[in-house]
PDB file of N, CA and C in Angstrom:
ATOM      1  N   UNK A   1     -16.542   9.676  29.654  1.00  0.00           N
ATOM      2  CA  UNK A   1     -16.197   8.718  28.618  1.00  0.00           C
ATOM      3  C   UNK A   1     -16.327   9.488  27.128  1.00  0.00           C
ATOM      4  N   UNK A   2     -17.512  10.362  27.238  1.00  0.00           N
ATOM      5  CA  UNK A   2     -17.432  11.271  26.086  1.00  0.00           C
ATOM      6  C   UNK A   2     -16.164  11.996  25.779  1.00  0.00           C
ATOM      7  N   UNK A   3     -15.953  12.776  26.842  1.00  0.00           N
ATOM      8  CA  UNK A   3     -14.753  13.752  26.905  1.00  0.00           C
ATOM      9  C   UNK A   3     -13.321  13.019  26.412  1.00  0.00           C
ATOM     10  N   UNK A   4     -13.134  11.804  27.000  1.00  0.00           N
ATOM     11  CA  UNK A   4     -12.050  11.001  26.665  1.00  0.00           C
ATOM     12  C   UNK A   4     -11.754  10.598  25.183  1.00  0.00           C
ATOM     13  N   UNK A   5     -13.319  10.424  24.643  1.00  0.00           N
ATOM     14  CA  UNK A   5     -12.903   9.841  23.278  1.00  0.00           C
ATOM     15  C   UNK A   5     -12.789  11.217  22.154  1.00  0.00           C
ATOM     16  N   UNK A   6     -13.330  12.525  22.755  1.00  0.00           N
ATOM     17  CA  UNK A   6     -13.253  13.447  21.802  1.00  0.00           C
ATOM     18  C   UNK A   6     -11.856  13.980  21.588  1.00  0.00           C
ATOM     19  N   UNK A   7     -10.831  13.716  22.686  1.00  0.00           N
ATOM     20  CA  UNK A   7      -9.633  14.294  22.914  1.00  0.00           C
ATOM     21  C   UNK A   7      -8.620  13.127  22.349  1.00  0.00           C
ATOM     22  N   UNK A   8      -9.163  12.124  22.235  1.00  0.00           N
ATOM     23  CA  UNK A   8      -8.090  10.840  21.547  1.00  0.00           C
ATOM     24  C   UNK A   8      -8.085  11.019  20.141  1.00  0.00           C
ATOM     25  N   UNK A   9      -6.595  10.826  19.598  1.00  0.00           N
ATOM     26  CA  UNK A   9      -6.520  11.245  18.313  1.00  0.00           C
ATOM     27  C   UNK A   9      -6.525   9.663  17.790  1.00  0.00           C
ATOM     28  N   UNK A  10      -7.214   9.637  16.252  1.00  0.00           N
ATOM     29  CA  UNK A  10      -7.320   8.359  15.601  1.00  0.00           C
ATOM     30  C   UNK A  10      -5.846   8.216  14.921  1.00  0.00           C
ATOM     31  N   UNK A  11      -5.289   7.287  15.129  1.00  0.00           N
ATOM     32  CA  UNK A  11      -3.956   7.159  14.511  1.00  0.00           C
ATOM     33  C   UNK A  11      -4.279   6.953  13.014  1.00  0.00           C
ATOM     34  N   UNK A  12      -5.451   6.562  12.534  1.00  0.00           N
ATOM     35  CA  UNK A  12      -5.499   6.339  10.985  1.00  0.00           C
ATOM     36  C   UNK A  12      -5.383   7.548  10.408  1.00  0.00           C
ATOM     37  N   UNK A  13      -6.121   8.559  11.058  1.00  0.00           N
ATOM     38  CA  UNK A  13      -6.177   9.871  10.274  1.00  0.00           C
ATOM     39  C   UNK A  13      -5.139  10.669  10.140  1.00  0.00           C
ATOM     40  N   UNK A  14      -3.809   9.915  10.828  1.00  0.00           N
ATOM     41  CA  UNK A  14      -2.471  10.627  10.690  1.00  0.00           C
ATOM     42  C   UNK A  14      -1.703   9.935   9.522  1.00  0.00           C
ATOM     43  N   UNK A  15      -2.347   9.067   8.795  1.00  0.00           N
ATOM     44  CA  UNK A  15      -1.804   8.350   7.357  1.00  0.00           C
ATOM     45  C   UNK A  15      -2.473   8.388   6.312  1.00  0.00           C
ATOM     46  N   UNK A  16      -1.459   8.629   5.204  1.00  0.00           N
ATOM     47  CA  UNK A  16      -2.222   8.703   3.689  1.00  0.00           C
ATOM     48  C   UNK A  16      -1.811   7.183   3.202  1.00  0.00           C
ATOM     49  N   UNK A  17      -3.045   6.703   2.415  1.00  0.00           N
ATOM     50  CA  UNK A  17      -2.979   5.177   1.985  1.00  0.00           C
ATOM     51  C   UNK A  17      -2.738   5.218   0.316  1.00  0.00           C
ATOM     52  N   UNK A  18      -1.672   4.855   0.115  1.00  0.00           N
ATOM     53  CA  UNK A  18      -1.464   5.040  -1.630  1.00  0.00           C
ATOM     54  C   UNK A  18      -1.457   3.518  -2.046  1.00  0.00           C
ATOM     55  N   UNK A  19      -2.518   3.189  -2.786  1.00  0.00           N
ATOM     56  CA  UNK A  19      -2.562   1.540  -3.422  1.00  0.00           C
ATOM     57  C   UNK A  19      -2.106   1.732  -4.866  1.00  0.00           C
ATOM     58  N   UNK A  20      -1.391   0.851  -5.498  1.00  0.00           N
ATOM     59  CA  UNK A  20      -1.253   0.719  -6.955  1.00  0.00           C
ATOM     60  C   UNK A  20      -1.601  -0.919  -6.969  1.00  0.00           C
ATOM     61  N   UNK A  21      -1.846  -1.363  -8.269  1.00  0.00           N
ATOM     62  CA  UNK A  21      -2.021  -2.639  -8.664  1.00  0.00           C
ATOM     63  C   UNK A  21      -1.810  -2.997  -9.977  1.00  0.00           C
ATOM     64  N   UNK A  22      -1.566  -4.389 -10.474  1.00  0.00           N
ATOM     65  CA  UNK A  22      -1.249  -4.520 -11.846  1.00  0.00           C
ATOM     66  C   UNK A  22      -1.937  -5.816 -11.909  1.00  0.00           C
ATOM     67  N   UNK A  23      -2.853  -5.973 -12.933  1.00  0.00           N
ATOM     68  CA  UNK A  23      -3.447  -7.173 -13.089  1.00  0.00           C
ATOM     69  C   UNK A  23      -3.165  -7.445 -14.712  1.00  0.00           C
ATOM     70  N   UNK A  24      -2.328  -8.588 -14.935  1.00  0.00           N
ATOM     71  CA  UNK A  24      -1.759  -9.046 -16.300  1.00  0.00           C
ATOM     72  C   UNK A  24      -2.146 -10.620 -16.735  1.00  0.00           C
ATOM     73  N   UNK A  25      -2.434 -10.661 -17.932  1.00  0.00           N
ATOM     74  CA  UNK A  25      -2.456 -11.782 -18.266  1.00  0.00           C
ATOM     75  C   UNK A  25      -1.121 -12.764 -18.559  1.00  0.00           C
ATOM     76  N   UNK A  26      -1.159 -13.943 -18.274  1.00  0.00           N
ATOM     77  CA  UNK A  26       0.091 -14.690 -18.546  1.00  0.00           C
ATOM     78  C   UNK A  26       0.276 -14.795 -19.902  1.00  0.00           C
ATOM     79  N   UNK A  27       1.238 -14.537 -20.843  1.00  0.00           N
ATOM     80  CA  UNK A  27       1.583 -14.949 -22.111  1.00  0.00           C
ATOM     81  C   UNK A  27       2.799 -14.854 -22.224  1.00  0.00           C
ATOM     82  N   UNK A  28       3.852 -15.042 -21.431  1.00  0.00           N
ATOM     83  CA  UNK A  28       5.048 -15.091 -21.806  1.00  0.00           C
ATOM     84  C   UNK A  28       6.081 -13.856 -21.441  1.00  0.00           C
ATOM     85  N   UNK A  29       5.267 -12.759 -21.380  1.00  0.00           N
ATOM     86  CA  UNK A  29       5.851 -11.480 -21.435  1.00  0.00           C
ATOM     87  C   UNK A  29       6.476 -11.296 -19.993  1.00  0.00           C
ATOM     88  N   UNK A  30       7.641 -10.355 -19.897  1.00  0.00           N
ATOM     89  CA  UNK A  30       7.911  -9.872 -18.571  1.00  0.00           C
ATOM     90  C   UNK A  30       7.469  -8.387 -17.965  1.00  0.00           C
ATOM     91  N   UNK A  31       7.665  -8.295 -17.152  1.00  0.00           N
ATOM     92  CA  UNK A  31       6.950  -7.305 -16.196  1.00  0.00           C
ATOM     93  C   UNK A  31       7.938  -6.638 -15.133  1.00  0.00           C
ATOM     94  N   UNK A  32       8.357  -5.514 -15.250  1.00  0.00           N
ATOM     95  CA  UNK A  32       9.300  -4.996 -14.344  1.00  0.00           C
ATOM     96  C   UNK A  32       8.604  -3.564 -13.928  1.00  0.00           C
ATOM     97  N   UNK A  33       8.646  -3.457 -12.440  1.00  0.00           N
ATOM     98  CA  UNK A  33       7.784  -2.216 -11.722  1.00  0.00           C
ATOM     99  C   UNK A  33       9.063  -1.649 -11.140  1.00  0.00           C
ATOM    100  N   UNK A  34       8.553  -0.300 -10.682  1.00  0.00           N
ATOM    101  CA  UNK A  34       9.337   0.420  -9.637  1.00  0.00           C
ATOM    102  C   UNK A  34       8.549   1.434  -9.248  1.00  0.00           C
ATOM    103  N   UNK A  35       8.594   2.019  -7.994  1.00  0.00           N
ATOM    104  CA  UNK A  35       8.096   2.968  -7.255  1.00  0.00           C
ATOM    105  C   UNK A  35       9.099   3.697  -6.440  1.00  0.00           C
ATOM    106  N   UNK A  36       8.619   5.020  -6.188  1.00  0.00           N
ATOM    107  CA  UNK A  36       9.539   5.843  -5.316  1.00  0.00           C
ATOM    108  C   UNK A  36       8.591   6.904  -4.786  1.00  0.00           C
ATOM    109  N   UNK A  37       9.175   7.286  -3.470  1.00  0.00           N
ATOM    110  CA  UNK A  37       8.440   8.292  -2.979  1.00  0.00           C
ATOM    111  C   UNK A  37       9.247   9.147  -1.669  1.00  0.00           C
ATOM    112  N   UNK A  38       9.021  10.292  -1.046  1.00  0.00           N
ATOM    113  CA  UNK A  38       9.864  10.706  -0.116  1.00  0.00           C
ATOM    114  C   UNK A  38       9.342  10.065   1.255  1.00  0.00           C
ATOM    115  N   UNK A  39      10.666   9.460   1.726  1.00  0.00           N
ATOM    116  CA  UNK A  39      10.339   8.214   2.744  1.00  0.00           C
ATOM    117  C   UNK A  39      10.404   8.723   4.088  1.00  0.00           C
ATOM    118  N   UNK A  40       9.823   8.420   5.223  1.00  0.00           N
ATOM    119  CA  UNK A  40      10.124   8.575   6.775  1.00  0.00           C
ATOM    120  C   UNK A  40      10.478   7.253   7.291  1.00  0.00           C
ATOM    121  N   UNK A  41      11.681   6.917   7.610  1.00  0.00           N
ATOM    122  CA  UNK A  41      11.908   5.743   8.031  1.00  0.00           C
ATOM    123  C   UNK A  41      11.185   5.420   9.321  1.00  0.00           C
ATOM    124  N   UNK A  42      10.821   6.441  10.305  1.00  0.00           N
ATOM    125  CA  UNK A  42      10.291   6.255  11.420  1.00  0.00           C
ATOM    126  C   UNK A  42       8.748   5.983  11.300  1.00  0.00           C
ATOM    127  N   UNK A  43       8.298   6.384  10.519  1.00  0.00           N
ATOM    128  CA  UNK A  43       6.781   6.464  10.586  1.00  0.00           C
ATOM    129  C   UNK A  43       6.046   5.493   9.306  1.00  0.00           C
ATOM    130  N   UNK A  44       6.581   5.576   7.993  1.00  0.00           N
ATOM    131  CA  UNK A  44       6.039   5.221   6.651  1.00  0.00           C
ATOM    132  C   UNK A  44       6.257   3.654   6.684  1.00  0.00           C
ATOM    133  N   UNK A  45       5.518   2.789   5.929  1.00  0.00           N
ATOM    134  CA  UNK A  45       5.552   1.425   5.579  1.00  0.00           C
ATOM    135  C   UNK A  45       4.949   1.317   4.578  1.00  0.00           C
ATOM    136  N   UNK A  46       5.225   0.206   3.855  1.00  0.00           N
ATOM    137  CA  UNK A  46       4.684  -0.422   2.531  1.00  0.00           C
ATOM    138  C   UNK A  46       4.629  -1.923   2.552  1.00  0.00           C
ATOM    139  N   UNK A  47       3.817  -2.557   1.764  1.00  0.00           N
ATOM    140  CA  UNK A  47       3.669  -4.110   1.701  1.00  0.00           C
ATOM    141  C   UNK A  47       3.471  -4.066   0.243  1.00  0.00           C
ATOM    142  N   UNK A  48       3.845  -5.367  -0.322  1.00  0.00           N
ATOM    143  CA  UNK A  48       3.641  -5.561  -1.832  1.00  0.00           C
ATOM    144  C   UNK A  48       3.167  -7.131  -1.512  1.00  0.00           C
ATOM    145  N   UNK A  49       2.254  -7.450  -2.362  1.00  0.00           N
ATOM    146  CA  UNK A  49       1.742  -9.007  -2.518  1.00  0.00           C
ATOM    147  C   UNK A  49       1.524  -9.391  -3.722  1.00  0.00           C
ATOM    148  N   UNK A  50       2.098 -10.457  -4.446  1.00  0.00           N
ATOM    149  CA  UNK A  50       1.919 -11.135  -5.520  1.00  0.00           C
ATOM    150  C   UNK A  50       1.206 -12.519  -5.806  1.00  0.00           C
ATOM    151  N   UNK A  51      -0.074 -12.443  -6.317  1.00  0.00           N
ATOM    152  CA  UNK A  51      -0.961 -13.751  -6.486  1.00  0.00           C
ATOM    153  C   UNK A  51      -0.988 -13.859  -7.912  1.00  0.00           C
ATOM    154  N   UNK A  52      -1.028 -15.364  -8.340  1.00  0.00           N
ATOM    155  CA  UNK A  52      -1.121 -15.687  -9.465  1.00  0.00           C
ATOM    156  C   UNK A  52      -1.734 -16.940  -9.652  1.00  0.00           C
ATOM    157  N   UNK A  53      -2.521 -17.488 -10.802  1.00  0.00           N
ATOM    158  CA  UNK A  53      -2.971 -18.652 -11.130  1.00  0.00           C
ATOM    159  C   UNK A  53      -2.295 -19.047 -12.540  1.00  0.00           C
ATOM    160  N   UNK A  54      -2.903 -19.931 -12.896  1.00  0.00           N
ATOM    161  CA  UNK A  54      -2.441 -20.242 -14.281  1.00  0.00           C
ATOM    162  C   UNK A  54      -2.558 -19.426 -15.412  1.00  0.00           C
ATOM    163  N   UNK A  55      -3.354 -18.459 -15.444  1.00  0.00           N
ATOM    164  CA  UNK A  55      -3.931 -17.382 -16.727  1.00  0.00           C
ATOM    165  C   UNK A  55      -3.383 -16.083 -16.354  1.00  0.00           C
ATOM    166  N   UNK A  56      -3.261 -15.818 -15.111  1.00  0.00           N
ATOM    167  CA  UNK A  56      -2.890 -14.074 -15.085  1.00  0.00           C
ATOM    168  C   UNK A  56      -2.267 -14.148 -13.441  1.00  0.00           C
ATOM    169  N   UNK A  57      -1.866 -12.955 -13.173  1.00  0.00           N
ATOM    170  CA  UNK A  57      -1.051 -12.692 -12.021  1.00  0.00           C
ATOM    171  C   UNK A  57      -1.394 -11.098 -11.597  1.00  0.00           C
ATOM    172  N   UNK A  58      -1.217 -10.693 -10.192  1.00  0.00           N
ATOM    173  CA  UNK A  58      -1.745  -9.631  -9.481  1.00  0.00           C
ATOM    174  C   UNK A  58      -0.874  -9.276  -8.693  1.00  0.00           C
ATOM    175  N   UNK A  59      -0.141  -8.117  -8.846  1.00  0.00           N
ATOM    176  CA  UNK A  59       0.590  -7.467  -7.847  1.00  0.00           C
ATOM    177  C   UNK A  59      -0.191  -6.186  -7.559  1.00  0.00           C
ATOM    178  N   UNK A  60      -0.151  -6.131  -5.974  1.00  0.00           N
ATOM    179  CA  UNK A  60      -0.695  -4.988  -5.250  1.00  0.00           C
ATOM    180  C   UNK A  60       0.266  -4.527  -4.391  1.00  0.00           C
ATOM    181  N   UNK A  61       0.648  -3.088  -4.428  1.00  0.00           N
ATOM    182  CA  UNK A  61       1.399  -2.274  -3.210  1.00  0.00           C
ATOM    183  C   UNK A  61       0.585  -1.399  -2.625  1.00  0.00           C
ATOM    184  N   UNK A  62       0.791  -1.510  -1.372  1.00  0.00           N
ATOM    185  CA  UNK A  62       0.080  -0.361  -0.423  1.00  0.00           C
ATOM    186  C   UNK A  62       1.329   0.227   0.434  1.00  0.00           C
ATOM    187  N   UNK A  63       1.424   1.526   0.171  1.00  0.00           N
ATOM    188  CA  UNK A  63       2.057   2.336   0.902  1.00  0.00           C
ATOM    189  C   UNK A  63       1.135   3.276   2.140  1.00  0.00           C
ATOM    190  N   UNK A  64       1.776   3.285   3.373  1.00  0.00           N
ATOM    191  CA  UNK A  64       1.135   4.104   4.432  1.00  0.00           C
ATOM    192  C   UNK A  64       2.188   5.393   4.649  1.00  0.00           C
ATOM    193  N   UNK A  65       1.666   6.466   4.461  1.00  0.00           N
ATOM    194  CA  UNK A  65       2.350   7.363   4.488  1.00  0.00           C
ATOM    195  C   UNK A  65       2.070   8.777   5.461  1.00  0.00           C
ATOM    196  N   UNK A  66       2.905   8.903   6.356  1.00  0.00           N
ATOM    197  CA  UNK A  66       2.376   9.889   7.743  1.00  0.00           C
ATOM    198  C   UNK A  66       2.275  11.254   6.786  1.00  0.00           C
ATOM    199  N   UNK A  67       1.454  11.824   7.338  1.00  0.00           N
ATOM    200  CA  UNK A  67       0.806  13.087   6.683  1.00  0.00           C
ATOM    201  C   UNK A  67       1.627  14.033   7.658  1.00  0.00           C
TER     202      UNK A  67
END
């Protein structure tokens, strides 16, 4: 069991996580964002989530990039 665990590769060590976030008060102003990176369609991924209430909104983007 010890030998098997030491030879297994942890899949999360093969990725770099890049996280960006914007927290902004709602006051009628607009917001435009853009991101770019060198992308590998076979192994890289991303997720963007927007959350808001009556006074503010938050946008969080997470990129998982293969090393």
